[in-house]
């Protein structure tokens, strides 16, 4: 494995967000979760959070990027599987809660 999961996650975000002006955004927190279960063998999730946004309706964004470890034991690599984003609302009935939809 040549790169760590957090680096892979940040690189994926850079690709996904390349069409907007937030490519060089600062992220507050990056966490890695491994799922060594029979249902999800060799699976890991990187969660990257960005808060303190200059937006009156969204206070934070949380990106969830899933990877699967594939390859021969001598040449294992993490491969991107899935991407998702959640928003933490700054106001209204959903203030402080995470949602998949843009906050009102």
Protein backbone atom coordinates (compact mmCIF):
# COMPACT_ATOMS: atom_id res chain seq x y z
CA UNK A 1 0.00 0.00 0.00
CA UNK A 2 1.67 3.13 -1.17
CA UNK A 3 -0.73 5.75 0.24
CA UNK A 4 -2.75 5.99 3.42
CA UNK A 5 -6.52 6.13 3.36
CA UNK A 6 -6.80 9.74 4.48
CA UNK A 7 -4.52 10.86 1.63
CA UNK A 8 -6.63 8.78 -0.77
CA UNK A 9 -9.80 10.37 0.63
CA UNK A 10 -8.45 13.91 0.25
CA UNK A 11 -7.34 13.17 -3.31
CA UNK A 12 -10.83 11.86 -4.13
CA UNK A 13 -12.41 15.02 -2.70
CA UNK A 14 -10.08 17.13 -4.83
CA UNK A 15 -11.28 15.26 -7.94
CA UNK A 16 -14.95 15.50 -6.97
CA UNK A 17 -14.78 19.20 -6.07
CA UNK A 18 -12.53 20.22 -8.99
CA UNK A 19 -15.32 22.10 -10.74
CA UNK A 20 -15.90 24.47 -7.81
CA UNK A 21 -13.69 26.98 -6.02
CA UNK A 22 -13.21 24.79 -2.94
CA UNK A 23 -10.44 22.50 -4.16
CA UNK A 24 -7.96 23.85 -1.61
CA UNK A 25 -10.45 23.86 1.27
CA UNK A 26 -9.26 23.27 4.82
CA UNK A 27 -10.78 20.29 6.58
CA UNK A 28 -11.12 20.13 10.37
CA UNK A 29 -11.22 16.41 10.98
CA UNK A 30 -10.35 13.26 9.06
CA UNK A 31 -11.16 9.84 10.52
CA UNK A 32 -10.71 6.32 9.22
CA UNK A 33 -12.98 3.42 10.14
CA UNK A 34 -12.23 -0.21 9.28
CA UNK A 35 -14.90 -2.90 8.96
CA UNK A 36 -13.23 -6.29 9.40
CA UNK A 37 -16.48 -8.22 9.30
CA UNK A 38 -17.69 -11.08 7.11
CA UNK A 39 -20.31 -8.78 5.58
CA UNK A 40 -17.75 -6.13 4.59
CA UNK A 41 -14.28 -7.68 4.50
CA UNK A 42 -11.39 -5.40 3.64
CA UNK A 43 -13.59 -2.30 3.72
CA UNK A 44 -12.68 1.09 5.17
CA UNK A 45 -14.44 4.44 5.33
CA UNK A 46 -12.80 7.84 5.51
CA UNK A 47 -14.93 10.60 7.03
CA UNK A 48 -13.69 14.15 6.40
CA UNK A 49 -15.43 17.08 8.09
CA UNK A 50 -15.25 20.75 7.24
CA UNK A 51 -16.88 23.25 9.63
CA UNK A 52 -17.05 27.00 10.14
CA UNK A 53 -18.48 27.58 6.69
CA UNK A 54 -19.34 31.09 5.60
CA UNK A 55 -22.94 30.11 4.90
CA UNK A 56 -26.00 31.20 6.85
CA UNK A 57 -27.81 27.86 6.36
CA UNK A 58 -25.01 25.25 6.48
CA UNK A 59 -22.53 25.18 9.38
CA UNK A 60 -20.54 22.09 8.29
CA UNK A 61 -20.09 19.47 5.57
CA UNK A 62 -19.16 15.84 6.15
CA UNK A 63 -17.80 13.68 3.35
CA UNK A 64 -17.92 9.86 3.57
CA UNK A 65 -15.64 8.00 1.18
CA UNK A 66 -15.61 4.20 1.11
CA UNK A 67 -12.66 2.09 -0.03
CA UNK A 68 -12.07 -1.63 -0.50
CA UNK A 69 -8.70 -3.33 -0.19
CA UNK A 70 -8.01 -5.38 -3.33
CA UNK A 71 -5.13 -7.17 -4.94
CA UNK A 72 -2.62 -9.87 -4.18
CA UNK A 73 -1.06 -9.92 -0.70
CA UNK A 74 2.19 -8.64 -2.20
CA UNK A 75 0.45 -5.73 -3.99
CA UNK A 76 -2.60 -4.54 -2.02
CA UNK A 77 -4.26 -1.25 -2.96
CA UNK A 78 -7.26 0.72 -1.74
CA UNK A 79 -9.90 1.21 -4.43
CA UNK A 80 -12.65 3.83 -4.23
CA UNK A 81 -16.14 2.35 -3.87
CA UNK A 82 -18.60 5.06 -2.83
CA UNK A 83 -18.87 8.76 -1.97
CA UNK A 84 -21.48 10.73 -0.07
CA UNK A 85 -21.91 14.14 1.56
CA UNK A 86 -23.98 15.38 4.47
CA UNK A 87 -24.72 18.92 5.61
CA UNK A 88 -25.11 20.21 9.16
CA UNK A 89 -27.85 22.80 9.24
CA UNK A 90 -27.19 26.10 10.98
CA UNK A 91 -30.78 27.21 11.54
CA UNK A 92 -34.41 26.20 11.52
CA UNK A 93 -35.95 22.96 12.76
CA UNK A 94 -32.88 20.97 11.63
CA UNK A 95 -30.28 23.21 13.29
CA UNK A 96 -27.30 21.14 14.46
CA UNK A 97 -28.53 18.00 12.66
CA UNK A 98 -26.86 16.23 9.76
CA UNK A 99 -28.86 15.74 6.56
CA UNK A 100 -28.26 14.52 3.01
CA UNK A 101 -30.30 17.41 1.64
CA UNK A 102 -29.25 21.05 1.39
CA UNK A 103 -30.35 22.94 4.49
CA UNK A 104 -33.20 25.50 4.13
